[in-house]
């Protein structure tokens, strides 16, 4: 809700606030390092 898009000149894209999004992620450890490999972002309001 506080994460908004702006034009490069600094003007707000629109007055629509962000929303609450379900995120599903799979994190894997390879060679001792954890990284997000799968990421699914659902629509606002999910």
ModelCIF file with pLDDT and N, C-alpha, C, O atoms, coordinates in Angstrom:
data_MODEL
#
_entry.id   MODEL 
#
_entity.id                         1 
_entity.type                       polymer 
_entity.pdbx_number_of_molecules   1 
#
_entity_poly.entity_id                      1 
_entity_poly.type                           'polypeptide(L)' 
_entity_poly.nstd_linkage                   no 
_entity_poly.nstd_monomer                   no 
_entity_poly.pdbx_seq_one_letter_code       
;(UNK)(UNK)(UNK)(UNK)(UNK)(UNK)(UNK)(UNK)(UNK)(UNK)(UNK)(UNK)(UNK)(UNK)(UNK)(UNK)
(UNK)(UNK)(UNK)(UNK)(UNK)(UNK)(UNK)(UNK)(UNK)(UNK)(UNK)(UNK)(UNK)(UNK)(UNK)(UNK)
(UNK)(UNK)(UNK)(UNK)(UNK)(UNK)(UNK)(UNK)(UNK)(UNK)(UNK)(UNK)(UNK)(UNK)
;
_entity_poly.pdbx_seq_one_letter_code_can   XXXXXXXXXXXXXXXXXXXXXXXXXXXXXXXXXXXXXXXXXXXXXX 
_entity_poly.pdbx_strand_id                 A 
#
loop_
_entity_poly_seq.entity_id 
_entity_poly_seq.num 
_entity_poly_seq.mon_id 
_entity_poly_seq.hetero 
1 1  UNK n 
1 2  UNK n 
1 3  UNK n 
1 4  UNK n 
1 5  UNK n 
1 6  UNK n 
1 7  UNK n 
1 8  UNK n 
1 9  UNK n 
1 10 UNK n 
1 11 UNK n 
1 12 UNK n 
1 13 UNK n 
1 14 UNK n 
1 15 UNK n 
1 16 UNK n 
1 17 UNK n 
1 18 UNK n 
1 19 UNK n 
1 20 UNK n 
1 21 UNK n 
1 22 UNK n 
1 23 UNK n 
1 24 UNK n 
1 25 UNK n 
1 26 UNK n 
1 27 UNK n 
1 28 UNK n 
1 29 UNK n 
1 30 UNK n 
1 31 UNK n 
1 32 UNK n 
1 33 UNK n 
1 34 UNK n 
1 35 UNK n 
1 36 UNK n 
1 37 UNK n 
1 38 UNK n 
1 39 UNK n 
1 40 UNK n 
1 41 UNK n 
1 42 UNK n 
1 43 UNK n 
1 44 UNK n 
1 45 UNK n 
1 46 UNK n 
#
_struct_asym.id          A 
_struct_asym.entity_id   1 
#
loop_
_ma_qa_metric.id 
_ma_qa_metric.mode 
_ma_qa_metric.name 
_ma_qa_metric.software_group_id 
_ma_qa_metric.type 
1 global pLDDT . pLDDT 
2 local  pLDDT . pLDDT 
#
_ma_qa_metric_global.metric_id      1 
_ma_qa_metric_global.metric_value   90.48 
_ma_qa_metric_global.model_id       1 
_ma_qa_metric_global.ordinal_id     1 
#
loop_
_ma_qa_metric_local.label_asym_id 
_ma_qa_metric_local.label_comp_id 
_ma_qa_metric_local.label_seq_id 
_ma_qa_metric_local.metric_id 
_ma_qa_metric_local.metric_value 
_ma_qa_metric_local.model_id 
_ma_qa_metric_local.ordinal_id 
A UNK 1  2 90.00 1 1  
A UNK 2  2 87.00 1 2  
A UNK 3  2 86.00 1 3  
A UNK 4  2 86.00 1 4  
A UNK 5  2 88.00 1 5  
A UNK 6  2 90.00 1 6  
A UNK 7  2 90.00 1 7  
A UNK 8  2 77.00 1 8  
A UNK 9  2 82.00 1 9  
A UNK 10 2 82.00 1 10 
A UNK 11 2 87.00 1 11 
A UNK 12 2 85.00 1 12 
A UNK 13 2 84.00 1 13 
A UNK 14 2 80.00 1 14 
A UNK 15 2 72.00 1 15 
A UNK 16 2 75.00 1 16 
A UNK 17 2 73.00 1 17 
A UNK 18 2 80.00 1 18 
A UNK 19 2 90.00 1 19 
A UNK 20 2 95.00 1 20 
A UNK 21 2 95.00 1 21 
A UNK 22 2 97.00 1 22 
A UNK 23 2 97.00 1 23 
A UNK 24 2 98.00 1 24 
A UNK 25 2 98.00 1 25 
A UNK 26 2 98.00 1 26 
A UNK 27 2 98.00 1 27 
A UNK 28 2 97.00 1 28 
A UNK 29 2 96.00 1 29 
A UNK 30 2 93.00 1 30 
A UNK 31 2 90.00 1 31 
A UNK 32 2 89.00 1 32 
A UNK 33 2 94.00 1 33 
A UNK 34 2 97.00 1 34 
A UNK 35 2 97.00 1 35 
A UNK 36 2 98.00 1 36 
A UNK 37 2 98.00 1 37 
A UNK 38 2 98.00 1 38 
A UNK 39 2 97.00 1 39 
A UNK 40 2 97.00 1 40 
A UNK 41 2 94.00 1 41 
A UNK 42 2 95.00 1 42 
A UNK 43 2 93.00 1 43 
A UNK 44 2 91.00 1 44 
A UNK 45 2 93.00 1 45 
A UNK 46 2 95.00 1 46 
#
loop_
_atom_site.group_PDB 
_atom_site.id 
_atom_site.type_symbol 
_atom_site.label_atom_id 
_atom_site.label_alt_id 
_atom_site.label_comp_id 
_atom_site.label_asym_id 
_atom_site.label_entity_id 
_atom_site.label_seq_id 
_atom_site.pdbx_PDB_ins_code 
_atom_site.Cartn_x 
_atom_site.Cartn_y 
_atom_site.Cartn_z 
_atom_site.occupancy 
_atom_site.B_iso_or_equiv 
_atom_site.pdbx_formal_charge 
_atom_site.auth_seq_id 
_atom_site.auth_comp_id 
_atom_site.auth_asym_id 
_atom_site.auth_atom_id 
_atom_site.pdbx_PDB_model_num 
ATOM 1   N N  . UNK A 1 1  ? 0.817  -1.210  0.000   1.00 90.00 ? 1  UNK A N  1 
ATOM 2   C CA . UNK A 1 1  ? 0.000  0.000   0.000   1.00 90.00 ? 1  UNK A CA 1 
ATOM 3   C C  . UNK A 1 1  ? 0.852  1.261   0.000   1.00 90.00 ? 1  UNK A C  1 
ATOM 4   O O  . UNK A 1 1  ? 0.389  2.318   -0.429  1.00 90.00 ? 1  UNK A O  1 
ATOM 5   N N  . UNK A 1 2  ? 2.081  1.168   0.471   1.00 87.00 ? 2  UNK A N  1 
ATOM 6   C CA . UNK A 1 2  ? 2.977  2.318   0.473   1.00 87.00 ? 2  UNK A CA 1 
ATOM 7   C C  . UNK A 1 2  ? 4.047  2.239   -0.597  1.00 87.00 ? 2  UNK A C  1 
ATOM 8   O O  . UNK A 1 2  ? 5.023  2.988   -0.561  1.00 87.00 ? 2  UNK A O  1 
ATOM 9   N N  . UNK A 1 3  ? 3.870  1.338   -1.543  1.00 86.00 ? 3  UNK A N  1 
ATOM 10  C CA . UNK A 1 3  ? 4.849  1.097   -2.609  1.00 86.00 ? 3  UNK A CA 1 
ATOM 11  C C  . UNK A 1 3  ? 4.204  1.545   -3.911  1.00 86.00 ? 3  UNK A C  1 
ATOM 12  O O  . UNK A 1 3  ? 3.322  0.863   -4.433  1.00 86.00 ? 3  UNK A O  1 
ATOM 13  N N  . UNK A 1 4  ? 4.636  2.686   -4.441  1.00 86.00 ? 4  UNK A N  1 
ATOM 14  C CA . UNK A 1 4  ? 3.950  3.307   -5.568  1.00 86.00 ? 4  UNK A CA 1 
ATOM 15  C C  . UNK A 1 4  ? 4.882  3.541   -6.743  1.00 86.00 ? 4  UNK A C  1 
ATOM 16  O O  . UNK A 1 4  ? 6.104  3.557   -6.596  1.00 86.00 ? 4  UNK A O  1 
ATOM 17  N N  . UNK A 1 5  ? 4.283  3.720   -7.904  1.00 88.00 ? 5  UNK A N  1 
ATOM 18  C CA . UNK A 1 5  ? 5.060  3.994   -9.112  1.00 88.00 ? 5  UNK A CA 1 
ATOM 19  C C  . UNK A 1 5  ? 5.030  5.485   -9.414  1.00 88.00 ? 5  UNK A C  1 
ATOM 20  O O  . UNK A 1 5  ? 4.018  6.167   -9.250  1.00 88.00 ? 5  UNK A O  1 
ATOM 21  N N  . UNK A 1 6  ? 6.175  5.950   -9.857  1.00 90.00 ? 6  UNK A N  1 
ATOM 22  C CA . UNK A 1 6  ? 6.350  7.359   -10.195 1.00 90.00 ? 6  UNK A CA 1 
ATOM 23  C C  . UNK A 1 6  ? 6.945  7.475   -11.589 1.00 90.00 ? 6  UNK A C  1 
ATOM 24  O O  . UNK A 1 6  ? 7.686  6.602   -12.040 1.00 90.00 ? 6  UNK A O  1 
ATOM 25  N N  . UNK A 1 7  ? 6.607  8.564   -12.260 1.00 90.00 ? 7  UNK A N  1 
ATOM 26  C CA . UNK A 1 7  ? 7.266  8.883   -13.521 1.00 90.00 ? 7  UNK A CA 1 
ATOM 27  C C  . UNK A 1 7  ? 8.701  9.262   -13.184 1.00 90.00 ? 7  UNK A C  1 
ATOM 28  O O  . UNK A 1 7  ? 8.995  9.635   -12.048 1.00 90.00 ? 7  UNK A O  1 
ATOM 29  N N  . UNK A 1 8  ? 9.577  9.170   -14.145 1.00 77.00 ? 8  UNK A N  1 
ATOM 30  C CA . UNK A 1 8  ? 10.985 9.482   -13.892 1.00 77.00 ? 8  UNK A CA 1 
ATOM 31  C C  . UNK A 1 8  ? 11.193 10.920  -13.435 1.00 77.00 ? 8  UNK A C  1 
ATOM 32  O O  . UNK A 1 8  ? 12.208 11.232  -12.812 1.00 77.00 ? 8  UNK A O  1 
ATOM 33  N N  . UNK A 1 9  ? 10.226 11.811  -13.743 1.00 82.00 ? 9  UNK A N  1 
ATOM 34  C CA . UNK A 1 9  ? 10.332 13.207  -13.292 1.00 82.00 ? 9  UNK A CA 1 
ATOM 35  C C  . UNK A 1 9  ? 9.876  13.382  -11.845 1.00 82.00 ? 9  UNK A C  1 
ATOM 36  O O  . UNK A 1 9  ? 9.898  14.493  -11.315 1.00 82.00 ? 9  UNK A O  1 
ATOM 37  N N  . UNK A 1 10 ? 9.454  12.262  -11.191 1.00 82.00 ? 10 UNK A N  1 
ATOM 38  C CA . UNK A 1 10 ? 9.071  12.314  -9.791  1.00 82.00 ? 10 UNK A CA 1 
ATOM 39  C C  . UNK A 1 10 ? 7.581  12.435  -9.532  1.00 82.00 ? 10 UNK A C  1 
ATOM 40  O O  . UNK A 1 10 ? 7.147  12.399  -8.381  1.00 82.00 ? 10 UNK A O  1 
ATOM 41  N N  . UNK A 1 11 ? 6.790  12.580  -10.594 1.00 87.00 ? 11 UNK A N  1 
ATOM 42  C CA . UNK A 1 11 ? 5.346  12.709  -10.405 1.00 87.00 ? 11 UNK A CA 1 
ATOM 43  C C  . UNK A 1 11 ? 4.714  11.332  -10.220 1.00 87.00 ? 11 UNK A C  1 
ATOM 44  O O  . UNK A 1 11 ? 5.055  10.385  -10.929 1.00 87.00 ? 11 UNK A O  1 
ATOM 45  N N  . UNK A 1 12 ? 3.793  11.228  -9.266  1.00 85.00 ? 12 UNK A N  1 
ATOM 46  C CA . UNK A 1 12 ? 3.093  9.986   -8.974  1.00 85.00 ? 12 UNK A CA 1 
ATOM 47  C C  . UNK A 1 12 ? 2.325  9.525   -10.203 1.00 85.00 ? 12 UNK A C  1 
ATOM 48  O O  . UNK A 1 12 ? 1.655  10.331  -10.850 1.00 85.00 ? 12 UNK A O  1 
ATOM 49  N N  . UNK A 1 13 ? 2.410  8.242   -10.535 1.00 84.00 ? 13 UNK A N  1 
ATOM 50  C CA . UNK A 1 13 ? 1.728  7.697   -11.712 1.00 84.00 ? 13 UNK A CA 1 
ATOM 51  C C  . UNK A 1 13 ? 0.220  7.922   -11.615 1.00 84.00 ? 13 UNK A C  1 
ATOM 52  O O  . UNK A 1 13 ? -0.403 8.389   -12.569 1.00 84.00 ? 13 UNK A O  1 
ATOM 53  N N  . UNK A 1 14 ? -0.360 7.592   -10.474 1.00 80.00 ? 14 UNK A N  1 
ATOM 54  C CA . UNK A 1 14 ? -1.787 7.802   -10.245 1.00 80.00 ? 14 UNK A CA 1 
ATOM 55  C C  . UNK A 1 14 ? -2.016 7.845   -8.737  1.00 80.00 ? 14 UNK A C  1 
ATOM 56  O O  . UNK A 1 14 ? -1.069 7.714   -7.962  1.00 80.00 ? 14 UNK A O  1 
ATOM 57  N N  . UNK A 1 15 ? -3.241 8.023   -8.327  1.00 72.00 ? 15 UNK A N  1 
ATOM 58  C CA . UNK A 1 15 ? -3.510 8.121   -6.889  1.00 72.00 ? 15 UNK A CA 1 
ATOM 59  C C  . UNK A 1 15 ? -4.049 6.818   -6.308  1.00 72.00 ? 15 UNK A C  1 
ATOM 60  O O  . UNK A 1 15 ? -4.664 6.820   -5.242  1.00 72.00 ? 15 UNK A O  1 
ATOM 61  N N  . UNK A 1 16 ? -3.823 5.711   -7.003  1.00 75.00 ? 16 UNK A N  1 
ATOM 62  C CA . UNK A 1 16 ? -4.270 4.404   -6.546  1.00 75.00 ? 16 UNK A CA 1 
ATOM 63  C C  . UNK A 1 16 ? -3.166 3.773   -5.698  1.00 75.00 ? 16 UNK A C  1 
ATOM 64  O O  . UNK A 1 16 ? -2.069 3.515   -6.193  1.00 75.00 ? 16 UNK A O  1 
ATOM 65  N N  . UNK A 1 17 ? -3.460 3.525   -4.408  1.00 73.00 ? 17 UNK A N  1 
ATOM 66  C CA . UNK A 1 17 ? -2.428 2.910   -3.569  1.00 73.00 ? 17 UNK A CA 1 
ATOM 67  C C  . UNK A 1 17 ? -2.210 1.455   -3.968  1.00 73.00 ? 17 UNK A C  1 
ATOM 68  O O  . UNK A 1 17 ? -3.069 0.832   -4.591  1.00 73.00 ? 17 UNK A O  1 
ATOM 69  N N  . UNK A 1 18 ? -1.053 0.930   -3.601  1.00 80.00 ? 18 UNK A N  1 
ATOM 70  C CA . UNK A 1 18 ? -0.803 -0.492  -3.824  1.00 80.00 ? 18 UNK A CA 1 
ATOM 71  C C  . UNK A 1 18 ? -1.739 -1.300  -2.953  1.00 80.00 ? 18 UNK A C  1 
ATOM 72  O O  . UNK A 1 18 ? -2.551 -0.721  -2.232  1.00 80.00 ? 18 UNK A O  1 
ATOM 73  N N  . UNK A 1 19 ? -1.653 -2.602  -2.996  1.00 90.00 ? 19 UNK A N  1 
ATOM 74  C CA . UNK A 1 19 ? -2.554 -3.443  -2.220  1.00 90.00 ? 19 UNK A CA 1 
ATOM 75  C C  . UNK A 1 19 ? -1.826 -4.539  -1.473  1.00 90.00 ? 19 UNK A C  1 
ATOM 76  O O  . UNK A 1 19 ? -0.604 -4.505  -1.333  1.00 90.00 ? 19 UNK A O  1 
ATOM 77  N N  . UNK A 1 20 ? -2.577 -5.504  -0.998  1.00 95.00 ? 20 UNK A N  1 
ATOM 78  C CA . UNK A 1 20 ? -2.035 -6.668  -0.309  1.00 95.00 ? 20 UNK A CA 1 
ATOM 79  C C  . UNK A 1 20 ? -2.012 -7.829  -1.302  1.00 95.00 ? 20 UNK A C  1 
ATOM 80  O O  . UNK A 1 20 ? -3.040 -8.198  -1.869  1.00 95.00 ? 20 UNK A O  1 
ATOM 81  N N  . UNK A 1 21 ? -0.830 -8.392  -1.501  1.00 95.00 ? 21 UNK A N  1 
ATOM 82  C CA . UNK A 1 21 ? -0.626 -9.423  -2.511  1.00 95.00 ? 21 UNK A CA 1 
ATOM 83  C C  . UNK A 1 21 ? -0.107 -10.703 -1.875  1.00 95.00 ? 21 UNK A C  1 
ATOM 84  O O  . UNK A 1 21 ? 0.831  -10.682 -1.078  1.00 95.00 ? 21 UNK A O  1 
ATOM 85  N N  . UNK A 1 22 ? -0.721 -11.799 -2.231  1.00 97.00 ? 22 UNK A N  1 
ATOM 86  C CA . UNK A 1 22 ? -0.174 -13.085 -1.813  1.00 97.00 ? 22 UNK A CA 1 
ATOM 87  C C  . UNK A 1 22 ? 1.078  -13.343 -2.647  1.00 97.00 ? 22 UNK A C  1 
ATOM 88  O O  . UNK A 1 22 ? 1.097  -13.103 -3.854  1.00 97.00 ? 22 UNK A O  1 
ATOM 89  N N  . UNK A 1 23 ? 2.113  -13.834 -1.988  1.00 97.00 ? 23 UNK A N  1 
ATOM 90  C CA . UNK A 1 23 ? 3.354  -14.206 -2.663  1.00 97.00 ? 23 UNK A CA 1 
ATOM 91  C C  . UNK A 1 23 ? 3.667  -15.638 -2.280  1.00 97.00 ? 23 UNK A C  1 
ATOM 92  O O  . UNK A 1 23 ? 3.664  -15.987 -1.100  1.00 97.00 ? 23 UNK A O  1 
ATOM 93  N N  . UNK A 1 24 ? 3.936  -16.466 -3.272  1.00 98.00 ? 24 UNK A N  1 
ATOM 94  C CA . UNK A 1 24 ? 4.411  -17.833 -3.045  1.00 98.00 ? 24 UNK A CA 1 
ATOM 95  C C  . UNK A 1 24 ? 5.833  -17.894 -3.582  1.00 98.00 ? 24 UNK A C  1 
ATOM 96  O O  . UNK A 1 24 ? 6.092  -17.520 -4.725  1.00 98.00 ? 24 UNK A O  1 
ATOM 97  N N  . UNK A 1 25 ? 6.755  -18.371 -2.744  1.00 98.00 ? 25 UNK A N  1 
ATOM 98  C CA . UNK A 1 25 ? 8.154  -18.415 -3.141  1.00 98.00 ? 25 UNK A CA 1 
ATOM 99  C C  . UNK A 1 25 ? 8.781  -19.737 -2.719  1.00 98.00 ? 25 UNK A C  1 
ATOM 100 O O  . UNK A 1 25 ? 8.432  -20.305 -1.684  1.00 98.00 ? 25 UNK A O  1 
ATOM 101 N N  . UNK A 1 26 ? 9.700  -20.212 -3.530  1.00 98.00 ? 26 UNK A N  1 
ATOM 102 C CA . UNK A 1 26 ? 10.493 -21.380 -3.176  1.00 98.00 ? 26 UNK A CA 1 
ATOM 103 C C  . UNK A 1 26 ? 11.937 -20.935 -3.113  1.00 98.00 ? 26 UNK A C  1 
ATOM 104 O O  . UNK A 1 26 ? 12.481 -20.376 -4.065  1.00 98.00 ? 26 UNK A O  1 
ATOM 105 N N  . UNK A 1 27 ? 12.547 -21.197 -1.965  1.00 98.00 ? 27 UNK A N  1 
ATOM 106 C CA . UNK A 1 27 ? 13.935 -20.816 -1.726  1.00 98.00 ? 27 UNK A CA 1 
ATOM 107 C C  . UNK A 1 27 ? 14.735 -22.109 -1.644  1.00 98.00 ? 27 UNK A C  1 
ATOM 108 O O  . UNK A 1 27 ? 14.351 -23.044 -0.942  1.00 98.00 ? 27 UNK A O  1 
ATOM 109 N N  . UNK A 1 28 ? 15.856 -22.155 -2.371  1.00 97.00 ? 28 UNK A N  1 
ATOM 110 C CA . UNK A 1 28 ? 16.698 -23.362 -2.365  1.00 97.00 ? 28 UNK A CA 1 
ATOM 111 C C  . UNK A 1 28 ? 18.121 -23.016 -1.971  1.00 97.00 ? 28 UNK A C  1 
ATOM 112 O O  . UNK A 1 28 ? 18.627 -21.929 -2.248  1.00 97.00 ? 28 UNK A O  1 
ATOM 113 N N  . UNK A 1 29 ? 18.740 -23.970 -1.321  1.00 96.00 ? 29 UNK A N  1 
ATOM 114 C CA . UNK A 1 29 ? 20.150 -23.822 -0.976  1.00 96.00 ? 29 UNK A CA 1 
ATOM 115 C C  . UNK A 1 29 ? 20.964 -24.629 -1.970  1.00 96.00 ? 29 UNK A C  1 
ATOM 116 O O  . UNK A 1 29 ? 20.758 -25.830 -2.141  1.00 96.00 ? 29 UNK A O  1 
ATOM 117 N N  . UNK A 1 30 ? 21.887 -23.948 -2.619  1.00 93.00 ? 30 UNK A N  1 
ATOM 118 C CA . UNK A 1 30 ? 22.805 -24.593 -3.560  1.00 93.00 ? 30 UNK A CA 1 
ATOM 119 C C  . UNK A 1 30 ? 24.197 -24.046 -3.267  1.00 93.00 ? 30 UNK A C  1 
ATOM 120 O O  . UNK A 1 30 ? 24.396 -22.836 -3.159  1.00 93.00 ? 30 UNK A O  1 
ATOM 121 N N  . UNK A 1 31 ? 25.129 -24.937 -3.143  1.00 90.00 ? 31 UNK A N  1 
ATOM 122 C CA . UNK A 1 31 ? 26.516 -24.549 -2.840  1.00 90.00 ? 31 UNK A CA 1 
ATOM 123 C C  . UNK A 1 31 ? 26.586 -23.649 -1.608  1.00 90.00 ? 31 UNK A C  1 
ATOM 124 O O  . UNK A 1 31 ? 27.359 -22.692 -1.567  1.00 90.00 ? 31 UNK A O  1 
ATOM 125 N N  . UNK A 1 32 ? 25.774 -23.967 -0.616  1.00 89.00 ? 32 UNK A N  1 
ATOM 126 C CA . UNK A 1 32 ? 25.789 -23.226 0.640   1.00 89.00 ? 32 UNK A CA 1 
ATOM 127 C C  . UNK A 1 32 ? 25.085 -21.881 0.622   1.00 89.00 ? 32 UNK A C  1 
ATOM 128 O O  . UNK A 1 32 ? 25.101 -21.165 1.623   1.00 89.00 ? 32 UNK A O  1 
ATOM 129 N N  . UNK A 1 33 ? 24.464 -21.521 -0.500  1.00 94.00 ? 33 UNK A N  1 
ATOM 130 C CA . UNK A 1 33 ? 23.818 -20.208 -0.641  1.00 94.00 ? 33 UNK A CA 1 
ATOM 131 C C  . UNK A 1 33 ? 22.323 -20.391 -0.854  1.00 94.00 ? 33 UNK A C  1 
ATOM 132 O O  . UNK A 1 33 ? 21.901 -21.183 -1.696  1.00 94.00 ? 33 UNK A O  1 
ATOM 133 N N  . UNK A 1 34 ? 21.517 -19.648 -0.082  1.00 97.00 ? 34 UNK A N  1 
ATOM 134 C CA . UNK A 1 34 ? 20.066 -19.674 -0.246  1.00 97.00 ? 34 UNK A CA 1 
ATOM 135 C C  . UNK A 1 34 ? 19.652 -18.592 -1.237  1.00 97.00 ? 34 UNK A C  1 
ATOM 136 O O  . UNK A 1 34 ? 20.046 -17.433 -1.111  1.00 97.00 ? 34 UNK A O  1 
ATOM 137 N N  . UNK A 1 35 ? 18.841 -18.994 -2.237  1.00 97.00 ? 35 UNK A N  1 
ATOM 138 C CA . UNK A 1 35 ? 18.310 -18.044 -3.216  1.00 97.00 ? 35 UNK A CA 1 
ATOM 139 C C  . UNK A 1 35 ? 16.859 -18.395 -3.523  1.00 97.00 ? 35 UNK A C  1 
ATOM 140 O O  . UNK A 1 35 ? 16.463 -19.560 -3.510  1.00 97.00 ? 35 UNK A O  1 
ATOM 141 N N  . UNK A 1 36 ? 16.078 -17.350 -3.801  1.00 98.00 ? 36 UNK A N  1 
ATOM 142 C CA . UNK A 1 36 ? 14.699 -17.559 -4.233  1.00 98.00 ? 36 UNK A CA 1 
ATOM 143 C C  . UNK A 1 36 ? 14.756 -17.992 -5.689  1.00 98.00 ? 36 UNK A C  1 
ATOM 144 O O  . UNK A 1 36 ? 15.295 -17.278 -6.535  1.00 98.00 ? 36 UNK A O  1 
ATOM 145 N N  . UNK A 1 37 ? 14.195 -19.173 -5.983  1.00 98.00 ? 37 UNK A N  1 
ATOM 146 C CA . UNK A 1 37 ? 14.207 -19.687 -7.353  1.00 98.00 ? 37 UNK A CA 1 
ATOM 147 C C  . UNK A 1 37 ? 12.852 -19.588 -8.023  1.00 98.00 ? 37 UNK A C  1 
ATOM 148 O O  . UNK A 1 37 ? 12.770 -19.393 -9.236  1.00 98.00 ? 37 UNK A O  1 
ATOM 149 N N  . UNK A 1 38 ? 11.794 -19.720 -7.248  1.00 98.00 ? 38 UNK A N  1 
ATOM 150 C CA . UNK A 1 38 ? 10.443 -19.625 -7.800  1.00 98.00 ? 38 UNK A CA 1 
ATOM 151 C C  . UNK A 1 38 ? 9.712  -18.519 -7.060  1.00 98.00 ? 38 UNK A C  1 
ATOM 152 O O  . UNK A 1 38 ? 9.800  -18.404 -5.837  1.00 98.00 ? 38 UNK A O  1 
ATOM 153 N N  . UNK A 1 39 ? 8.986  -17.705 -7.824  1.00 97.00 ? 39 UNK A N  1 
ATOM 154 C CA . UNK A 1 39 ? 8.288  -16.572 -7.246  1.00 97.00 ? 39 UNK A CA 1 
ATOM 155 C C  . UNK A 1 39 ? 6.990  -16.362 -7.998  1.00 97.00 ? 39 UNK A C  1 
ATOM 156 O O  . UNK A 1 39 ? 6.991  -16.196 -9.218  1.00 97.00 ? 39 UNK A O  1 
ATOM 157 N N  . UNK A 1 40 ? 5.880  -16.369 -7.270  1.00 97.00 ? 40 UNK A N  1 
ATOM 158 C CA . UNK A 1 40 ? 4.585  -16.112 -7.895  1.00 97.00 ? 40 UNK A CA 1 
ATOM 159 C C  . UNK A 1 40 ? 3.904  -14.992 -7.135  1.00 97.00 ? 40 UNK A C  1 
ATOM 160 O O  . UNK A 1 40 ? 3.666  -15.100 -5.932  1.00 97.00 ? 40 UNK A O  1 
ATOM 161 N N  . UNK A 1 41 ? 3.594  -13.924 -7.834  1.00 94.00 ? 41 UNK A N  1 
ATOM 162 C CA . UNK A 1 41 ? 2.953  -12.747 -7.241  1.00 94.00 ? 41 UNK A CA 1 
ATOM 163 C C  . UNK A 1 41 ? 1.498  -12.718 -7.667  1.00 94.00 ? 41 UNK A C  1 
ATOM 164 O O  . UNK A 1 41 ? 1.187  -12.666 -8.857  1.00 94.00 ? 41 UNK A O  1 
ATOM 165 N N  . UNK A 1 42 ? 0.631  -12.753 -6.705  1.00 95.00 ? 42 UNK A N  1 
ATOM 166 C CA . UNK A 1 42 ? -0.809 -12.745 -6.990  1.00 95.00 ? 42 UNK A CA 1 
ATOM 167 C C  . UNK A 1 42 ? -1.324 -11.307 -7.054  1.00 95.00 ? 42 UNK A C  1 
ATOM 168 O O  . UNK A 1 42 ? -0.638 -10.369 -6.647  1.00 95.00 ? 42 UNK A O  1 
ATOM 169 N N  . UNK A 1 43 ? -2.523 -11.155 -7.563  1.00 93.00 ? 43 UNK A N  1 
ATOM 170 C CA . UNK A 1 43 ? -3.133 -9.826  -7.716  1.00 93.00 ? 43 UNK A CA 1 
ATOM 171 C C  . UNK A 1 43 ? -3.409 -9.166  -6.372  1.00 93.00 ? 43 UNK A C  1 
ATOM 172 O O  . UNK A 1 43 ? -3.431 -9.823  -5.331  1.00 93.00 ? 43 UNK A O  1 
ATOM 173 N N  . UNK A 1 44 ? -3.616 -7.862  -6.417  1.00 91.00 ? 44 UNK A N  1 
ATOM 174 C CA . UNK A 1 44 ? -3.977 -7.116  -5.208  1.00 91.00 ? 44 UNK A CA 1 
ATOM 175 C C  . UNK A 1 44 ? -5.267 -7.663  -4.637  1.00 91.00 ? 44 UNK A C  1 
ATOM 176 O O  . UNK A 1 44 ? -6.183 -8.034  -5.372  1.00 91.00 ? 44 UNK A O  1 
ATOM 177 N N  . UNK A 1 45 ? -5.328 -7.707  -3.315  1.00 93.00 ? 45 UNK A N  1 
ATOM 178 C CA . UNK A 1 45 ? -6.517 -8.177  -2.634  1.00 93.00 ? 45 UNK A CA 1 
ATOM 179 C C  . UNK A 1 45 ? -6.552 -9.671  -2.407  1.00 93.00 ? 45 UNK A C  1 
ATOM 180 O O  . UNK A 1 45 ? -7.577 -10.200 -1.976  1.00 93.00 ? 45 UNK A O  1 
ATOM 181 N N  . UNK A 1 46 ? -5.461 -10.368 -2.685  1.00 95.00 ? 46 UNK A N  1 
ATOM 182 C CA . UNK A 1 46 ? -5.450 -11.829 -2.538  1.00 95.00 ? 46 UNK A CA 1 
ATOM 183 C C  . UNK A 1 46 ? -5.062 -12.285 -1.138  1.00 95.00 ? 46 UNK A C  1 
ATOM 184 O O  . UNK A 1 46 ? -5.011 -13.485 -0.870  1.00 95.00 ? 46 UNK A O  1 
#
